[in-house]
Amino acid sequence: MGASIDSGAGAGAGAGVGEGAGVVAVTPPAPPPASEVISVVRAGDAHTVEALLSAGADPDARDEHGTPALLDDASRPVRVSAVHGLARHDDERCVEGARRLPPAPPGTSYEYDLDEVWWYERRRDGR
């Protein structure tokens, strides 16, 4: 997941200033694999989901059955985490994901994560 750096040291013995000497090429890290996103979402860890999305994870990652893991998981806590992560990244799909959530069971402790959708809508609408 780290970036690779090529300092150009093997660019040729005759390379001088102005001919590429000292130029550093940075290759961005590859986005996290879909399987990593799916496992973190299923663990219900909204903050790690957010970090993976920031690192370039595909919010449309699908599981082995082709089901969109972030918004259509069978587990409500997983879906809440996914909606929270998308809202934190100003992704419009958080609104639809929140709308499609099944009712929360009594005594649910993770509903505060859905406040982020309200905050996203306020930012989007300029309120």
N, C-alpha and C. Protein backbone atom coordinates (compact mmCIF):
# COMPACT_ATOMS: atom_id res chain seq x y z
N MET A 1 0.80 -1.18 0.00
CA MET A 1 0.00 0.00 0.00
C MET A 1 0.85 1.26 0.00
N GLY A 2 2.17 1.13 0.03
CA GLY A 2 3.03 2.30 0.05
C GLY A 2 3.37 2.76 -1.34
N ALA A 3 3.81 4.01 -1.45
CA ALA A 3 4.21 4.56 -2.73
C ALA A 3 5.61 4.08 -3.05
N SER A 4 5.90 3.89 -4.35
CA SER A 4 7.26 3.55 -4.72
C SER A 4 7.92 4.78 -5.30
N ILE A 5 9.20 4.93 -5.00
CA ILE A 5 9.94 6.12 -5.41
C ILE A 5 11.08 5.70 -6.31
N ASP A 6 11.24 6.39 -7.42
CA ASP A 6 12.34 6.15 -8.35
C ASP A 6 13.15 7.42 -8.43
N SER A 7 14.37 7.38 -7.90
CA SER A 7 15.20 8.59 -7.86
C SER A 7 15.91 8.86 -9.17
N GLY A 8 15.79 7.98 -10.11
CA GLY A 8 16.42 8.19 -11.40
C GLY A 8 17.92 7.95 -11.35
N ALA A 9 18.44 7.25 -10.34
CA ALA A 9 19.87 7.03 -10.19
C ALA A 9 20.45 6.24 -11.34
N GLY A 10 19.69 5.40 -11.96
CA GLY A 10 20.20 4.60 -13.07
C GLY A 10 19.91 5.24 -14.40
N ALA A 11 19.72 6.55 -14.44
CA ALA A 11 19.33 7.22 -15.67
C ALA A 11 20.49 7.40 -16.61
N GLY A 12 21.66 7.01 -16.24
CA GLY A 12 22.81 7.16 -17.13
C GLY A 12 23.89 7.96 -16.46
N ALA A 13 25.13 7.59 -16.69
CA ALA A 13 26.26 8.24 -16.02
C ALA A 13 26.44 9.68 -16.44
N GLY A 14 25.99 10.03 -17.62
CA GLY A 14 26.23 11.38 -18.12
C GLY A 14 25.13 12.36 -17.77
N ALA A 15 24.17 11.99 -16.97
CA ALA A 15 23.07 12.89 -16.64
C ALA A 15 23.57 13.99 -15.73
N GLY A 16 23.36 15.22 -16.13
CA GLY A 16 23.78 16.36 -15.32
C GLY A 16 22.58 17.16 -14.89
N VAL A 17 22.83 18.28 -14.25
CA VAL A 17 21.76 19.16 -13.82
C VAL A 17 21.01 19.62 -15.06
N GLY A 18 19.71 19.59 -15.01
CA GLY A 18 18.91 19.97 -16.17
C GLY A 18 18.63 18.80 -17.09
N GLU A 19 19.28 17.66 -16.85
CA GLU A 19 19.04 16.48 -17.67
C GLU A 19 18.35 15.39 -16.87
N GLY A 20 17.64 15.77 -15.81
CA GLY A 20 16.89 14.79 -15.03
C GLY A 20 17.59 14.35 -13.76
N ALA A 21 18.78 14.88 -13.48
CA ALA A 21 19.47 14.49 -12.25
C ALA A 21 18.69 14.98 -11.04
N GLY A 22 18.54 14.12 -10.07
CA GLY A 22 17.86 14.48 -8.85
C GLY A 22 16.34 14.53 -8.95
N VAL A 23 15.77 14.17 -10.07
CA VAL A 23 14.33 14.17 -10.24
C VAL A 23 13.78 12.91 -9.57
N VAL A 24 12.76 13.08 -8.76
CA VAL A 24 12.16 11.96 -8.05
C VAL A 24 10.77 11.73 -8.62
N ALA A 25 10.54 10.51 -9.11
CA ALA A 25 9.22 10.14 -9.61
C ALA A 25 8.52 9.32 -8.53
N VAL A 26 7.33 9.73 -8.15
CA VAL A 26 6.57 9.04 -7.11
C VAL A 26 5.37 8.36 -7.76
N THR A 27 5.28 7.07 -7.55
CA THR A 27 4.14 6.31 -8.04
C THR A 27 3.14 6.22 -6.90
N PRO A 28 1.90 6.69 -7.11
CA PRO A 28 0.92 6.65 -6.02
C PRO A 28 0.62 5.20 -5.62
N PRO A 29 0.26 5.00 -4.36
CA PRO A 29 -0.06 3.65 -3.92
C PRO A 29 -1.32 3.13 -4.60
N ALA A 30 -1.38 1.82 -4.76
CA ALA A 30 -2.57 1.21 -5.34
C ALA A 30 -3.71 1.32 -4.35
N PRO A 31 -4.95 1.50 -4.84
CA PRO A 31 -6.08 1.56 -3.91
C PRO A 31 -6.23 0.23 -3.18
N PRO A 32 -6.79 0.25 -1.99
CA PRO A 32 -6.99 -1.00 -1.25
C PRO A 32 -7.86 -1.96 -2.04
N PRO A 33 -7.60 -3.26 -1.95
CA PRO A 33 -8.41 -4.22 -2.68
C PRO A 33 -9.84 -4.25 -2.15
N ALA A 34 -10.76 -4.63 -3.02
CA ALA A 34 -12.18 -4.69 -2.65
C ALA A 34 -12.39 -5.60 -1.45
N SER A 35 -11.64 -6.70 -1.36
CA SER A 35 -11.82 -7.62 -0.23
C SER A 35 -11.51 -6.95 1.10
N GLU A 36 -10.54 -6.03 1.11
CA GLU A 36 -10.21 -5.31 2.35
C GLU A 36 -11.36 -4.38 2.74
N VAL A 37 -11.92 -3.69 1.76
CA VAL A 37 -13.05 -2.80 2.02
C VAL A 37 -14.22 -3.60 2.58
N ILE A 38 -14.52 -4.71 1.94
CA ILE A 38 -15.66 -5.53 2.35
C ILE A 38 -15.48 -6.04 3.78
N SER A 39 -14.28 -6.52 4.11
CA SER A 39 -14.08 -7.06 5.46
C SER A 39 -14.17 -5.97 6.52
N VAL A 40 -13.67 -4.77 6.23
CA VAL A 40 -13.74 -3.67 7.20
C VAL A 40 -15.19 -3.20 7.36
N VAL A 41 -15.91 -3.13 6.26
CA VAL A 41 -17.33 -2.74 6.34
C VAL A 41 -18.10 -3.75 7.16
N ARG A 42 -17.85 -5.02 6.93
CA ARG A 42 -18.57 -6.05 7.68
C ARG A 42 -18.23 -6.02 9.17
N ALA A 43 -17.04 -5.53 9.50
CA ALA A 43 -16.66 -5.40 10.91
C ALA A 43 -17.38 -4.22 11.57
N GLY A 44 -17.99 -3.35 10.75
CA GLY A 44 -18.75 -2.22 11.28
C GLY A 44 -17.89 -1.07 11.77
N ASP A 45 -16.69 -0.93 11.24
CA ASP A 45 -15.75 0.10 11.68
C ASP A 45 -15.82 1.30 10.75
N ALA A 46 -16.68 2.26 11.07
CA ALA A 46 -16.92 3.41 10.19
C ALA A 46 -15.66 4.24 9.97
N HIS A 47 -14.82 4.37 10.98
CA HIS A 47 -13.62 5.20 10.84
C HIS A 47 -12.60 4.56 9.89
N THR A 48 -12.48 3.24 9.93
CA THR A 48 -11.57 2.57 9.00
C THR A 48 -12.14 2.59 7.60
N VAL A 49 -13.45 2.47 7.46
CA VAL A 49 -14.08 2.61 6.14
C VAL A 49 -13.75 3.98 5.56
N GLU A 50 -13.86 5.00 6.39
CA GLU A 50 -13.54 6.37 5.95
C GLU A 50 -12.09 6.46 5.50
N ALA A 51 -11.18 5.86 6.26
CA ALA A 51 -9.76 5.90 5.91
C ALA A 51 -9.50 5.17 4.59
N LEU A 52 -10.16 4.05 4.38
CA LEU A 52 -9.99 3.31 3.12
C LEU A 52 -10.51 4.11 1.94
N LEU A 53 -11.66 4.77 2.12
CA LEU A 53 -12.19 5.61 1.04
C LEU A 53 -11.23 6.75 0.73
N SER A 54 -10.62 7.33 1.76
CA SER A 54 -9.63 8.39 1.55
C SER A 54 -8.41 7.88 0.80
N ALA A 55 -8.08 6.61 1.02
CA ALA A 55 -6.92 6.01 0.36
C ALA A 55 -7.23 5.55 -1.06
N GLY A 56 -8.45 5.80 -1.52
CA GLY A 56 -8.80 5.47 -2.89
C GLY A 56 -9.59 4.19 -3.06
N ALA A 57 -10.09 3.63 -1.96
CA ALA A 57 -10.89 2.41 -2.06
C ALA A 57 -12.13 2.68 -2.91
N ASP A 58 -12.55 1.66 -3.61
CA ASP A 58 -13.72 1.77 -4.48
C ASP A 58 -14.99 1.65 -3.64
N PRO A 59 -15.79 2.73 -3.55
CA PRO A 59 -17.02 2.63 -2.75
C PRO A 59 -18.06 1.70 -3.38
N ASP A 60 -17.82 1.28 -4.61
CA ASP A 60 -18.72 0.35 -5.28
C ASP A 60 -18.20 -1.09 -5.22
N ALA A 61 -17.23 -1.36 -4.33
CA ALA A 61 -16.68 -2.70 -4.22
C ALA A 61 -17.81 -3.71 -4.03
N ARG A 62 -17.68 -4.81 -4.68
CA ARG A 62 -18.72 -5.85 -4.60
C ARG A 62 -18.12 -7.11 -4.01
N ASP A 63 -18.96 -7.85 -3.31
CA ASP A 63 -18.48 -9.10 -2.72
C ASP A 63 -18.45 -10.20 -3.76
N GLU A 64 -18.13 -11.42 -3.33
CA GLU A 64 -17.98 -12.54 -4.26
C GLU A 64 -19.27 -12.89 -5.00
N HIS A 65 -20.41 -12.39 -4.52
CA HIS A 65 -21.69 -12.64 -5.18
C HIS A 65 -22.13 -11.47 -6.06
N GLY A 66 -21.31 -10.44 -6.15
CA GLY A 66 -21.63 -9.28 -6.96
C GLY A 66 -22.51 -8.27 -6.25
N THR A 67 -22.75 -8.45 -4.96
CA THR A 67 -23.58 -7.53 -4.20
C THR A 67 -22.75 -6.31 -3.81
N PRO A 68 -23.25 -5.10 -4.03
CA PRO A 68 -22.50 -3.92 -3.58
C PRO A 68 -22.33 -3.97 -2.07
N ALA A 69 -21.12 -4.18 -1.64
CA ALA A 69 -20.86 -4.43 -0.23
C ALA A 69 -21.18 -3.23 0.66
N LEU A 70 -20.94 -2.03 0.17
CA LEU A 70 -21.09 -0.88 1.04
C LEU A 70 -22.53 -0.50 1.33
N LEU A 71 -23.42 -0.70 0.40
CA LEU A 71 -24.79 -0.23 0.61
C LEU A 71 -25.84 -1.32 0.67
N ASP A 72 -25.49 -2.53 0.33
CA ASP A 72 -26.49 -3.59 0.30
C ASP A 72 -26.14 -4.79 1.15
N ASP A 73 -25.29 -4.63 2.14
CA ASP A 73 -24.96 -5.75 3.00
C ASP A 73 -26.20 -6.13 3.81
N ALA A 74 -26.29 -7.38 4.18
CA ALA A 74 -27.45 -7.86 4.95
C ALA A 74 -27.47 -7.29 6.36
N SER A 75 -26.34 -6.90 6.88
CA SER A 75 -26.25 -6.39 8.24
C SER A 75 -26.49 -4.88 8.28
N ARG A 76 -27.45 -4.45 9.09
CA ARG A 76 -27.74 -3.02 9.20
C ARG A 76 -26.55 -2.22 9.73
N PRO A 77 -25.80 -2.70 10.74
CA PRO A 77 -24.64 -1.94 11.20
C PRO A 77 -23.60 -1.73 10.09
N VAL A 78 -23.44 -2.72 9.23
CA VAL A 78 -22.50 -2.58 8.11
C VAL A 78 -22.98 -1.47 7.18
N ARG A 79 -24.25 -1.46 6.89
CA ARG A 79 -24.79 -0.44 5.99
C ARG A 79 -24.69 0.96 6.61
N VAL A 80 -24.93 1.06 7.91
CA VAL A 80 -24.80 2.35 8.59
C VAL A 80 -23.36 2.84 8.50
N SER A 81 -22.39 1.94 8.71
CA SER A 81 -20.98 2.32 8.58
C SER A 81 -20.66 2.80 7.17
N ALA A 82 -21.20 2.11 6.19
CA ALA A 82 -20.96 2.50 4.81
C ALA A 82 -21.55 3.87 4.50
N VAL A 83 -22.77 4.10 4.93
CA VAL A 83 -23.42 5.39 4.71
C VAL A 83 -22.63 6.50 5.41
N HIS A 84 -22.19 6.24 6.62
CA HIS A 84 -21.39 7.21 7.37
C HIS A 84 -20.11 7.57 6.60
N GLY A 85 -19.39 6.56 6.13
CA GLY A 85 -18.15 6.81 5.39
C GLY A 85 -18.38 7.60 4.12
N LEU A 86 -19.44 7.27 3.39
CA LEU A 86 -19.74 8.01 2.16
C LEU A 86 -20.12 9.45 2.46
N ALA A 87 -20.89 9.66 3.53
CA ALA A 87 -21.29 11.03 3.90
C ALA A 87 -20.07 11.86 4.27
N ARG A 88 -19.12 11.26 4.99
CA ARG A 88 -17.91 11.98 5.38
C ARG A 88 -17.08 12.40 4.17
N HIS A 89 -17.29 11.73 3.06
CA HIS A 89 -16.55 12.06 1.84
C HIS A 89 -17.43 12.76 0.81
N ASP A 90 -18.52 13.34 1.30
CA ASP A 90 -19.43 14.11 0.44
C ASP A 90 -19.86 13.32 -0.80
N ASP A 91 -20.15 12.08 -0.60
CA ASP A 91 -20.62 11.21 -1.69
C ASP A 91 -22.14 11.16 -1.64
N GLU A 92 -22.78 11.62 -2.70
CA GLU A 92 -24.24 11.72 -2.78
C GLU A 92 -24.94 10.39 -2.48
N ARG A 93 -24.26 9.27 -2.73
CA ARG A 93 -24.90 7.97 -2.50
C ARG A 93 -25.24 7.72 -1.04
N CYS A 94 -24.69 8.53 -0.13
CA CYS A 94 -25.02 8.35 1.29
C CYS A 94 -26.51 8.62 1.53
N VAL A 95 -27.08 9.55 0.81
CA VAL A 95 -28.50 9.90 1.01
C VAL A 95 -29.39 8.72 0.64
N GLU A 96 -29.15 8.14 -0.52
CA GLU A 96 -29.93 6.98 -0.96
C GLU A 96 -29.67 5.79 -0.05
N GLY A 97 -28.42 5.59 0.34
CA GLY A 97 -28.10 4.49 1.25
C GLY A 97 -28.82 4.61 2.58
N ALA A 98 -28.89 5.83 3.11
CA ALA A 98 -29.60 6.05 4.38
C ALA A 98 -31.10 5.83 4.20
N ARG A 99 -31.63 6.26 3.08
CA ARG A 99 -33.07 6.09 2.81
C ARG A 99 -33.45 4.61 2.73
N ARG A 100 -32.55 3.78 2.22
CA ARG A 100 -32.83 2.36 2.03
C ARG A 100 -32.58 1.51 3.27
N LEU A 101 -32.10 2.11 4.35
CA LEU A 101 -31.84 1.34 5.56
C LEU A 101 -33.13 0.79 6.15
N PRO A 102 -33.09 -0.46 6.63
CA PRO A 102 -34.27 -0.98 7.33
C PRO A 102 -34.40 -0.27 8.68
N PRO A 103 -35.58 -0.34 9.31
CA PRO A 103 -35.75 0.31 10.61
C PRO A 103 -34.73 -0.21 11.63
N ALA A 104 -34.32 0.69 12.51
CA ALA A 104 -33.36 0.32 13.56
C ALA A 104 -34.05 -0.47 14.65
N PRO A 105 -33.42 -1.53 15.10
CA PRO A 105 -34.01 -2.26 16.23
C PRO A 105 -33.98 -1.41 17.49
N PRO A 106 -34.90 -1.62 18.42
CA PRO A 106 -34.89 -0.85 19.67
C PRO A 106 -33.55 -0.99 20.39
N GLY A 107 -33.07 0.11 20.95
CA GLY A 107 -31.83 0.11 21.72
C GLY A 107 -30.57 0.13 20.87
N THR A 108 -30.69 0.42 19.58
CA THR A 108 -29.53 0.45 18.70
C THR A 108 -28.59 1.56 19.13
N SER A 109 -27.31 1.23 19.25
CA SER A 109 -26.36 2.20 19.79
C SER A 109 -25.55 2.94 18.73
N TYR A 110 -25.64 2.59 17.48
CA TYR A 110 -24.78 3.18 16.46
C TYR A 110 -25.50 4.17 15.55
N GLU A 111 -26.68 4.60 15.89
CA GLU A 111 -27.45 5.49 15.03
C GLU A 111 -26.83 6.87 14.88
N TYR A 112 -26.00 7.30 15.83
CA TYR A 112 -25.39 8.62 15.72
C TYR A 112 -24.54 8.74 14.45
N ASP A 113 -24.07 7.63 13.89
CA ASP A 113 -23.30 7.68 12.64
C ASP A 113 -24.12 8.26 11.50
N LEU A 114 -25.44 8.12 11.57
CA LEU A 114 -26.30 8.62 10.49
C LEU A 114 -26.44 10.14 10.54
N ASP A 115 -26.05 10.78 11.64
CA ASP A 115 -26.06 12.25 11.70
C ASP A 115 -25.19 12.83 10.59
N GLU A 116 -24.18 12.09 10.19
CA GLU A 116 -23.26 12.58 9.16
C GLU A 116 -23.99 12.83 7.83
N VAL A 117 -25.05 12.07 7.55
CA VAL A 117 -25.83 12.29 6.32
C VAL A 117 -26.51 13.66 6.40
N TRP A 118 -27.06 13.99 7.56
CA TRP A 118 -27.69 15.30 7.75
C TRP A 118 -26.65 16.40 7.52
N TRP A 119 -25.46 16.24 8.11
CA TRP A 119 -24.41 17.24 7.92
C TRP A 119 -24.00 17.34 6.45
N TYR A 120 -23.92 16.20 5.75
CA TYR A 120 -23.59 16.22 4.32
C TYR A 120 -24.64 17.03 3.55
N GLU A 121 -25.91 16.78 3.83
CA GLU A 121 -26.97 17.51 3.12
C GLU A 121 -26.89 19.00 3.38
N ARG A 122 -26.55 19.39 4.59
CA ARG A 122 -26.38 20.83 4.92
C ARG A 122 -25.22 21.42 4.11
N ARG A 123 -24.10 20.69 4.04
CA ARG A 123 -22.96 21.19 3.25
C ARG A 123 -23.33 21.28 1.77
N ARG A 124 -23.99 20.25 1.27
CA ARG A 124 -24.37 20.21 -0.14
C ARG A 124 -25.32 21.34 -0.49
N ASP A 125 -26.28 21.61 0.39
CA ASP A 125 -27.30 22.62 0.12
C ASP A 125 -26.88 24.02 0.53
N GLY A 126 -25.68 24.16 1.10
CA GLY A 126 -25.17 25.46 1.49
C GLY A 126 -25.90 26.08 2.66
N ARG A 127 -26.45 25.26 3.54
CA ARG A 127 -27.18 25.77 4.71
C ARG A 127 -26.24 26.00 5.86
